[in-house]
Amino acid sequence: MATTSFPDASPRKKKAATPAPPVHREPAGIGAPRGAASAGACIAHASPGDLVITAAEPEFARQFGLSADEICGHSLLDLLRSPVPARLQEQFAALSAGHRPRFTESVTGRDGTGGKFHADVTGVAVRNPSGALVGLVVFLRRTADGVSGGPVLSALDAQVLEGVASGQSTVQLASRLYLSRQGIEYRVGQMLRRFDAPNRPALVARAHALGMFAAGQWPPRVLPERVR
């Protein structure tokens, strides 16, 4: 009986495919902050103790008028400033101590010409499988000049914050905004956590430090660009 031969389709005989380029993967738990990639965040790595930069993307270094090699050895605290004195150092200390997995802070920096720019910085702790801290990853995202990055509130939360800043009680706020007292307390509690404030006076002080309110206005009003 005649037989028909077919080409050998064994994978061993196929032409080897061109290998794909290696994909850079961050260690587990080091994902970029939500929306960071689309918002143009750039990355640097720093040592936990002294916050000295050990590696950085060229785009990160370019924000300060430096190359990726030149920026290594610089302290983050020399490059970035928080509106609240020592606030940035406190955030990194809490991050290194394991009190929080990450934080986001509004900062200013100086570019290569000496001009000031505004940005949001997010710090993320890098830990090995045993939980030991091995480094810090920093995401930097420039914001509009003249308007420091910071929280953006819903219209209702902005009204609650304005009321708290003007000294209104929970009952007064609930009556004015047609909410329950529990609803007001819930929203205030959410903002206390978001602004990392222990109480209402600290919340108002923190909001002022972040430039949330219009200057020279009473009763306090949250800036329109801080309301979505």
C-alpha atoms as a PDB file:
ATOM      1  CA  MET A   1       0.000   0.000   0.000  1.00  0.00           C
ATOM      2  CA  ALA A   2       1.337   3.415  -0.914  1.00  0.00           C
ATOM      3  CA  THR A   3       2.048   5.673   1.990  1.00  0.00           C
ATOM      4  CA  THR A   4       2.017   9.410   2.119  1.00  0.00           C
ATOM      5  CA  SER A   5       4.763  11.174   3.991  1.00  0.00           C
ATOM      6  CA  PHE A   6       4.129  14.370   5.851  1.00  0.00           C
ATOM      7  CA  PRO A   7       6.647  16.988   6.965  1.00  0.00           C
ATOM      8  CA  ASP A   8       7.831  16.412  10.496  1.00  0.00           C
ATOM      9  CA  ALA A   9       5.923  18.939  12.636  1.00  0.00           C
ATOM     10  CA  SER A  10       7.799  18.092  15.792  1.00  0.00           C
ATOM     11  CA  PRO A  11       8.570  21.230  17.835  1.00  0.00           C
ATOM     12  CA  ARG A  12      12.193  20.074  17.984  1.00  0.00           C
ATOM     13  CA  LYS A  13      12.533  20.607  14.243  1.00  0.00           C
ATOM     14  CA  LYS A  14      10.904  24.050  14.160  1.00  0.00           C
ATOM     15  CA  LYS A  15      13.022  27.129  13.698  1.00  0.00           C
ATOM     16  CA  ALA A  16      13.754  28.666  17.039  1.00  0.00           C
ATOM     17  CA  ALA A  17      11.755  31.830  17.641  1.00  0.00           C
ATOM     18  CA  THR A  18      13.559  35.053  18.394  1.00  0.00           C
ATOM     19  CA  PRO A  19      13.616  35.387  22.191  1.00  0.00           C
ATOM     20  CA  ALA A  20      11.513  38.208  23.598  1.00  0.00           C
ATOM     21  CA  PRO A  21      13.393  40.950  25.400  1.00  0.00           C
ATOM     22  CA  PRO A  22      13.491  40.520  29.172  1.00  0.00           C
ATOM     23  CA  VAL A  23      10.717  42.247  31.062  1.00  0.00           C
ATOM     24  CA  HIS A  24      11.683  44.283  34.086  1.00  0.00           C
ATOM     25  CA  ARG A  25       9.594  43.283  37.086  1.00  0.00           C
ATOM     26  CA  GLU A  26       9.553  45.056  40.409  1.00  0.00           C
ATOM     27  CA  PRO A  27       9.731  42.915  43.544  1.00  0.00           C
ATOM     28  CA  ALA A  28       6.437  41.688  44.933  1.00  0.00           C
ATOM     29  CA  GLY A  29       4.412  44.474  46.521  1.00  0.00           C
ATOM     30  CA  ILE A  30       6.209  47.261  44.652  1.00  0.00           C
ATOM     31  CA  GLY A  31       3.565  48.135  42.127  1.00  0.00           C
ATOM     32  CA  ALA A  32       3.281  51.740  41.069  1.00  0.00           C
ATOM     33  CA  PRO A  33       0.625  53.778  42.842  1.00  0.00           C
ATOM     34  CA  ARG A  34      -2.768  53.631  41.191  1.00  0.00           C
ATOM     35  CA  GLY A  35      -2.652  55.805  38.083  1.00  0.00           C
ATOM     36  CA  ALA A  36       1.036  56.583  38.520  1.00  0.00           C
ATOM     37  CA  ALA A  37       2.113  55.243  35.132  1.00  0.00           C
ATOM     38  CA  SER A  38      -0.536  57.137  33.204  1.00  0.00           C
ATOM     39  CA  ALA A  39       0.167  60.260  35.242  1.00  0.00           C
ATOM     40  CA  GLY A  40       3.852  60.186  34.290  1.00  0.00           C
ATOM     41  CA  ALA A  41       5.426  59.105  37.570  1.00  0.00           C
ATOM     42  CA  CYS A  42       9.180  58.468  37.577  1.00  0.00           C
ATOM     43  CA  ILE A  43      11.009  56.202  39.989  1.00  0.00           C
ATOM     44  CA  ALA A  44      14.024  56.161  42.277  1.00  0.00           C
ATOM     45  CA  HIS A  45      15.311  53.731  44.909  1.00  0.00           C
ATOM     46  CA  ALA A  46      16.675  54.878  48.269  1.00  0.00           C
ATOM     47  CA  SER A  47      18.302  53.317  51.310  1.00  0.00           C
ATOM     48  CA  PRO A  48      16.017  53.259  54.376  1.00  0.00           C
ATOM     49  CA  GLY A  49      18.383  54.714  56.949  1.00  0.00           C
ATOM     50  CA  ASP A  50      19.726  57.894  55.383  1.00  0.00           C
ATOM     51  CA  LEU A  51      17.296  58.169  52.412  1.00  0.00           C
ATOM     52  CA  VAL A  52      20.225  58.359  50.007  1.00  0.00           C
ATOM     53  CA  ILE A  53      19.308  57.591  46.400  1.00  0.00           C
ATOM     54  CA  THR A  54      20.910  54.356  45.225  1.00  0.00           C
ATOM     55  CA  ALA A  55      19.374  54.162  41.728  1.00  0.00           C
ATOM     56  CA  ALA A  56      17.020  56.282  39.647  1.00  0.00           C
ATOM     57  CA  GLU A  57      15.359  56.428  36.279  1.00  0.00           C
ATOM     58  CA  PRO A  58      16.834  59.093  33.974  1.00  0.00           C
ATOM     59  CA  GLU A  59      13.492  60.933  34.029  1.00  0.00           C
ATOM     60  CA  PHE A  60      13.579  61.143  37.837  1.00  0.00           C
ATOM     61  CA  ALA A  61      17.072  62.625  37.802  1.00  0.00           C
ATOM     62  CA  ARG A  62      16.130  64.999  34.986  1.00  0.00           C
ATOM     63  CA  GLN A  63      13.592  66.725  37.259  1.00  0.00           C
ATOM     64  CA  PHE A  64      16.552  68.050  39.265  1.00  0.00           C
ATOM     65  CA  GLY A  65      18.828  68.785  36.320  1.00  0.00           C
ATOM     66  CA  LEU A  66      20.971  65.720  36.976  1.00  0.00           C
ATOM     67  CA  SER A  67      21.805  62.460  35.218  1.00  0.00           C
ATOM     68  CA  ALA A  68      20.869  59.045  36.593  1.00  0.00           C
ATOM     69  CA  ASP A  69      24.483  58.590  37.746  1.00  0.00           C
ATOM     70  CA  GLU A  70      24.846  62.067  39.227  1.00  0.00           C
ATOM     71  CA  ILE A  71      21.750  61.833  41.403  1.00  0.00           C
ATOM     72  CA  CYS A  72      22.967  58.689  43.173  1.00  0.00           C
ATOM     73  CA  GLY A  73      24.371  59.635  46.573  1.00  0.00           C
ATOM     74  CA  HIS A  74      22.013  62.586  47.015  1.00  0.00           C
ATOM     75  CA  SER A  75      19.589  62.508  49.947  1.00  0.00           C
ATOM     76  CA  LEU A  76      15.898  62.745  49.142  1.00  0.00           C
ATOM     77  CA  LEU A  77      15.547  65.250  51.986  1.00  0.00           C
ATOM     78  CA  ASP A  78      18.036  67.556  50.227  1.00  0.00           C
ATOM     79  CA  LEU A  79      16.105  67.361  46.964  1.00  0.00           C
ATOM     80  CA  LEU A  80      12.498  67.542  48.172  1.00  0.00           C
ATOM     81  CA  ARG A  81      10.689  69.812  50.619  1.00  0.00           C
ATOM     82  CA  SER A  82       7.304  69.349  52.294  1.00  0.00           C
ATOM     83  CA  PRO A  83       5.030  72.347  53.049  1.00  0.00           C
ATOM     84  CA  VAL A  84       5.016  71.162  56.671  1.00  0.00           C
ATOM     85  CA  PRO A  85       8.536  71.232  58.217  1.00  0.00           C
ATOM     86  CA  ALA A  86       9.947  67.751  58.911  1.00  0.00           C
ATOM     87  CA  ARG A  87       6.755  66.181  57.536  1.00  0.00           C
ATOM     88  CA  LEU A  88       8.516  64.296  54.743  1.00  0.00           C
ATOM     89  CA  GLN A  89      11.146  62.915  57.122  1.00  0.00           C
ATOM     90  CA  GLU A  90       8.374  61.756  59.483  1.00  0.00           C
ATOM     91  CA  GLN A  91       6.580  59.999  56.634  1.00  0.00           C
ATOM     92  CA  PHE A  92       9.717  58.106  55.608  1.00  0.00           C
ATOM     93  CA  ALA A  93      10.440  57.217  59.253  1.00  0.00           C
ATOM     94  CA  ALA A  94       6.946  55.766  59.661  1.00  0.00           C
ATOM     95  CA  LEU A  95       7.371  53.882  56.392  1.00  0.00           C
ATOM     96  CA  SER A  96      10.713  52.396  57.464  1.00  0.00           C
ATOM     97  CA  ALA A  97       9.345  51.453  60.880  1.00  0.00           C
ATOM     98  CA  GLY A  98       6.524  49.484  59.278  1.00  0.00           C
ATOM     99  CA  HIS A  99       3.754  51.766  60.552  1.00  0.00           C
ATOM    100  CA  ARG A 100       2.404  52.045  57.014  1.00  0.00           C
ATOM    101  CA  PRO A 101       3.089  50.315  53.676  1.00  0.00           C
ATOM    102  CA  ARG A 102       3.168  53.549  51.646  1.00  0.00           C
ATOM    103  CA  PHE A 103       2.387  57.253  51.772  1.00  0.00           C
ATOM    104  CA  THR A 104       1.821  60.136  49.375  1.00  0.00           C
ATOM    105  CA  GLU A 105       2.981  63.657  50.169  1.00  0.00           C
ATOM    106  CA  SER A 106       2.935  66.998  48.355  1.00  0.00           C
ATOM    107  CA  VAL A 107       6.452  68.367  47.887  1.00  0.00           C
ATOM    108  CA  THR A 108       8.497  70.977  46.064  1.00  0.00           C
ATOM    109  CA  GLY A 109      11.881  70.592  44.403  1.00  0.00           C
ATOM    110  CA  ARG A 110      14.434  72.599  42.417  1.00  0.00           C
ATOM    111  CA  ASP A 111      15.169  71.912  38.783  1.00  0.00           C
ATOM    112  CA  GLY A 112      18.510  72.381  37.043  1.00  0.00           C
ATOM    113  CA  THR A 113      17.958  76.138  36.627  1.00  0.00           C
ATOM    114  CA  GLY A 114      17.078  76.700  40.279  1.00  0.00           C
ATOM    115  CA  GLY A 115      13.374  77.054  39.539  1.00  0.00           C
ATOM    116  CA  LYS A 116      10.858  75.529  41.921  1.00  0.00           C
ATOM    117  CA  PHE A 117       8.457  72.801  40.839  1.00  0.00           C
ATOM    118  CA  HIS A 118       5.574  71.074  42.612  1.00  0.00           C
ATOM    119  CA  ALA A 119       5.064  67.336  42.749  1.00  0.00           C
ATOM    120  CA  ASP A 120       3.444  64.442  44.551  1.00  0.00           C
ATOM    121  CA  VAL A 121       5.857  61.889  45.999  1.00  0.00           C
ATOM    122  CA  THR A 122       4.779  58.370  46.978  1.00  0.00           C
ATOM    123  CA  GLY A 123       7.068  56.239  49.124  1.00  0.00           C
ATOM    124  CA  VAL A 124       6.740  52.449  49.195  1.00  0.00           C
ATOM    125  CA  ALA A 125       8.586  50.079  51.546  1.00  0.00           C
ATOM    126  CA  VAL A 126      10.386  47.107  49.975  1.00  0.00           C
ATOM    127  CA  ARG A 127      10.545  44.048  52.219  1.00  0.00           C
ATOM    128  CA  ASN A 128      11.974  40.585  51.679  1.00  0.00           C
ATOM    129  CA  PRO A 129       9.873  37.403  52.239  1.00  0.00           C
ATOM    130  CA  SER A 130      10.789  37.406  55.941  1.00  0.00           C
ATOM    131  CA  GLY A 131       9.419  40.949  56.319  1.00  0.00           C
ATOM    132  CA  ALA A 132      12.750  42.727  56.762  1.00  0.00           C
ATOM    133  CA  LEU A 133      13.032  46.176  55.185  1.00  0.00           C
ATOM    134  CA  VAL A 134      15.520  46.147  52.305  1.00  0.00           C
ATOM    135  CA  GLY A 135      14.871  49.463  50.586  1.00  0.00           C
ATOM    136  CA  LEU A 136      12.483  52.210  49.587  1.00  0.00           C
ATOM    137  CA  VAL A 137      10.942  52.975  46.211  1.00  0.00           C
ATOM    138  CA  VAL A 138       9.943  56.571  45.480  1.00  0.00           C
ATOM    139  CA  PHE A 139       7.487  57.618  42.766  1.00  0.00           C
ATOM    140  CA  LEU A 140       7.584  61.286  41.739  1.00  0.00           C
ATOM    141  CA  ARG A 141       4.833  62.932  39.693  1.00  0.00           C
ATOM    142  CA  ARG A 142       5.031  66.585  38.700  1.00  0.00           C
ATOM    143  CA  THR A 143       1.916  68.685  39.262  1.00  0.00           C
ATOM    144  CA  ALA A 144       0.883  72.035  37.867  1.00  0.00           C
ATOM    145  CA  ASP A 145       3.267  74.836  38.793  1.00  0.00           C
ATOM    146  CA  GLY A 146       1.818  77.171  41.389  1.00  0.00           C
ATOM    147  CA  VAL A 147      -0.650  74.569  42.659  1.00  0.00           C
ATOM    148  CA  SER A 148       0.857  72.013  44.977  1.00  0.00           C
ATOM    149  CA  GLY A 149      -0.330  68.471  44.542  1.00  0.00           C
ATOM    150  CA  GLY A 150      -2.621  67.201  47.228  1.00  0.00           C
ATOM    151  CA  PRO A 151      -6.004  65.748  48.034  1.00  0.00           C
ATOM    152  CA  VAL A 152      -8.990  66.424  45.824  1.00  0.00           C
ATOM    153  CA  LEU A 153     -12.326  66.232  47.645  1.00  0.00           C
ATOM    154  CA  SER A 154     -15.878  65.558  46.591  1.00  0.00           C
ATOM    155  CA  ALA A 155     -18.174  68.593  46.740  1.00  0.00           C
ATOM    156  CA  LEU A 156     -19.844  67.246  49.888  1.00  0.00           C
ATOM    157  CA  ASP A 157     -16.556  66.483  51.654  1.00  0.00           C
ATOM    158  CA  ALA A 158     -15.357  69.980  50.779  1.00  0.00           C
ATOM    159  CA  GLN A 159     -18.451  71.443  52.470  1.00  0.00           C
ATOM    160  CA  VAL A 160     -17.849  69.297  55.543  1.00  0.00           C
ATOM    161  CA  LEU A 161     -14.218  70.402  55.707  1.00  0.00           C
ATOM    162  CA  GLU A 162     -15.243  74.051  55.345  1.00  0.00           C
ATOM    163  CA  GLY A 163     -17.707  73.623  58.200  1.00  0.00           C
ATOM    164  CA  VAL A 164     -15.114  71.966  60.438  1.00  0.00           C
ATOM    165  CA  ALA A 165     -12.642  74.761  59.646  1.00  0.00           C
ATOM    166  CA  SER A 166     -15.218  77.409  60.588  1.00  0.00           C
ATOM    167  CA  GLY A 167     -15.890  75.720  63.923  1.00  0.00           C
ATOM    168  CA  GLN A 168     -19.283  74.152  63.230  1.00  0.00           C
ATOM    169  CA  SER A 169     -20.326  71.184  65.324  1.00  0.00           C
ATOM    170  CA  THR A 170     -21.485  67.832  64.013  1.00  0.00           C
ATOM    171  CA  VAL A 171     -25.121  68.776  64.756  1.00  0.00           C
ATOM    172  CA  GLN A 172     -24.780  72.106  62.923  1.00  0.00           C
ATOM    173  CA  LEU A 173     -23.173  70.447  59.910  1.00  0.00           C
ATOM    174  CA  ALA A 174     -25.786  67.706  59.805  1.00  0.00           C
ATOM    175  CA  SER A 175     -28.586  70.270  59.846  1.00  0.00           C
ATOM    176  CA  ARG A 176     -27.013  72.492  57.185  1.00  0.00           C
ATOM    177  CA  LEU A 177     -26.059  69.670  54.803  1.00  0.00           C
ATOM    178  CA  TYR A 178     -29.172  67.551  55.408  1.00  0.00           C
ATOM    179  CA  LEU A 179     -27.158  64.585  56.624  1.00  0.00           C
ATOM    180  CA  SER A 180     -27.358  62.449  59.733  1.00  0.00           C
ATOM    181  CA  ARG A 181     -24.880  63.001  62.544  1.00  0.00           C
ATOM    182  CA  GLN A 182     -23.453  59.568  61.754  1.00  0.00           C
ATOM    183  CA  GLY A 183     -23.001  60.642  58.137  1.00  0.00           C
ATOM    184  CA  ILE A 184     -21.028  63.714  59.203  1.00  0.00           C
ATOM    185  CA  GLU A 185     -18.891  61.721  61.631  1.00  0.00           C
ATOM    186  CA  TYR A 186     -18.179  59.139  58.933  1.00  0.00           C
ATOM    187  CA  ARG A 187     -16.994  61.770  56.454  1.00  0.00           C
ATOM    188  CA  VAL A 188     -14.904  63.569  59.056  1.00  0.00           C
ATOM    189  CA  GLY A 189     -13.369  60.241  60.076  1.00  0.00           C
ATOM    190  CA  GLN A 190     -12.493  59.460  56.465  1.00  0.00           C
ATOM    191  CA  MET A 191     -10.744  62.811  56.098  1.00  0.00           C
ATOM    192  CA  LEU A 192      -8.881  62.361  59.397  1.00  0.00           C
ATOM    193  CA  ARG A 193      -7.402  59.153  58.032  1.00  0.00           C
ATOM    194  CA  ARG A 194      -6.769  60.603  54.592  1.00  0.00           C
ATOM    195  CA  PHE A 195      -4.988  63.683  55.972  1.00  0.00           C
ATOM    196  CA  ASP A 196      -3.288  61.585  58.678  1.00  0.00           C
ATOM    197  CA  ALA A 197      -4.653  63.888  61.380  1.00  0.00           C
ATOM    198  CA  PRO A 198      -5.482  62.772  64.960  1.00  0.00           C
ATOM    199  CA  ASN A 199      -8.342  65.238  65.516  1.00  0.00           C
ATOM    200  CA  ARG A 200     -10.364  68.046  63.915  1.00  0.00           C
ATOM    201  CA  PRO A 201      -7.985  70.928  64.739  1.00  0.00           C
ATOM    202  CA  ALA A 202      -5.111  68.928  63.250  1.00  0.00           C
ATOM    203  CA  LEU A 203      -7.241  68.193  60.187  1.00  0.00           C
ATOM    204  CA  VAL A 204      -7.833  71.902  59.623  1.00  0.00           C
ATOM    205  CA  ALA A 205      -4.151  72.717  60.181  1.00  0.00           C
ATOM    206  CA  ARG A 206      -3.111  69.989  57.759  1.00  0.00           C
ATOM    207  CA  ALA A 207      -5.580  71.223  55.123  1.00  0.00           C
ATOM    208  CA  HIS A 208      -4.226  74.767  55.491  1.00  0.00           C
ATOM    209  CA  ALA A 209      -0.641  73.513  55.148  1.00  0.00           C
ATOM    210  CA  LEU A 210      -1.568  71.709  51.929  1.00  0.00           C
ATOM    211  CA  GLY A 211      -3.104  74.865  50.485  1.00  0.00           C
ATOM    212  CA  MET A 212      -6.640  73.477  50.413  1.00  0.00           C
ATOM    213  CA  PHE A 213      -8.294  76.781  51.357  1.00  0.00           C
ATOM    214  CA  ALA A 214      -8.523  80.082  49.509  1.00  0.00           C
ATOM    215  CA  ALA A 215      -6.287  82.666  51.154  1.00  0.00           C
ATOM    216  CA  GLY A 216      -7.818  85.508  53.187  1.00  0.00           C
ATOM    217  CA  GLN A 217     -11.368  84.203  53.010  1.00  0.00           C
ATOM    218  CA  TRP A 218     -13.858  83.714  55.873  1.00  0.00           C
ATOM    219  CA  PRO A 219     -15.685  81.500  56.319  1.00  0.00           C
ATOM    220  CA  PRO A 220     -13.066  79.136  54.864  1.00  0.00           C
ATOM    221  CA  ARG A 221     -13.609  77.957  51.297  1.00  0.00           C
ATOM    222  CA  VAL A 222     -11.882  75.013  49.633  1.00  0.00           C
ATOM    223  CA  LEU A 223     -10.206  76.030  46.373  1.00  0.00           C
ATOM    224  CA  PRO A 224     -12.227  75.027  43.270  1.00  0.00           C
ATOM    225  CA  GLU A 225      -9.300  73.028  41.858  1.00  0.00           C
ATOM    226  CA  ARG A 226      -9.404  70.843  45.000  1.00  0.00           C
ATOM    227  CA  VAL A 227     -13.028  69.839  44.372  1.00  0.00           C
ATOM    228  CA  ARG A 228     -14.028  67.260  41.806  1.00  0.00           C
END
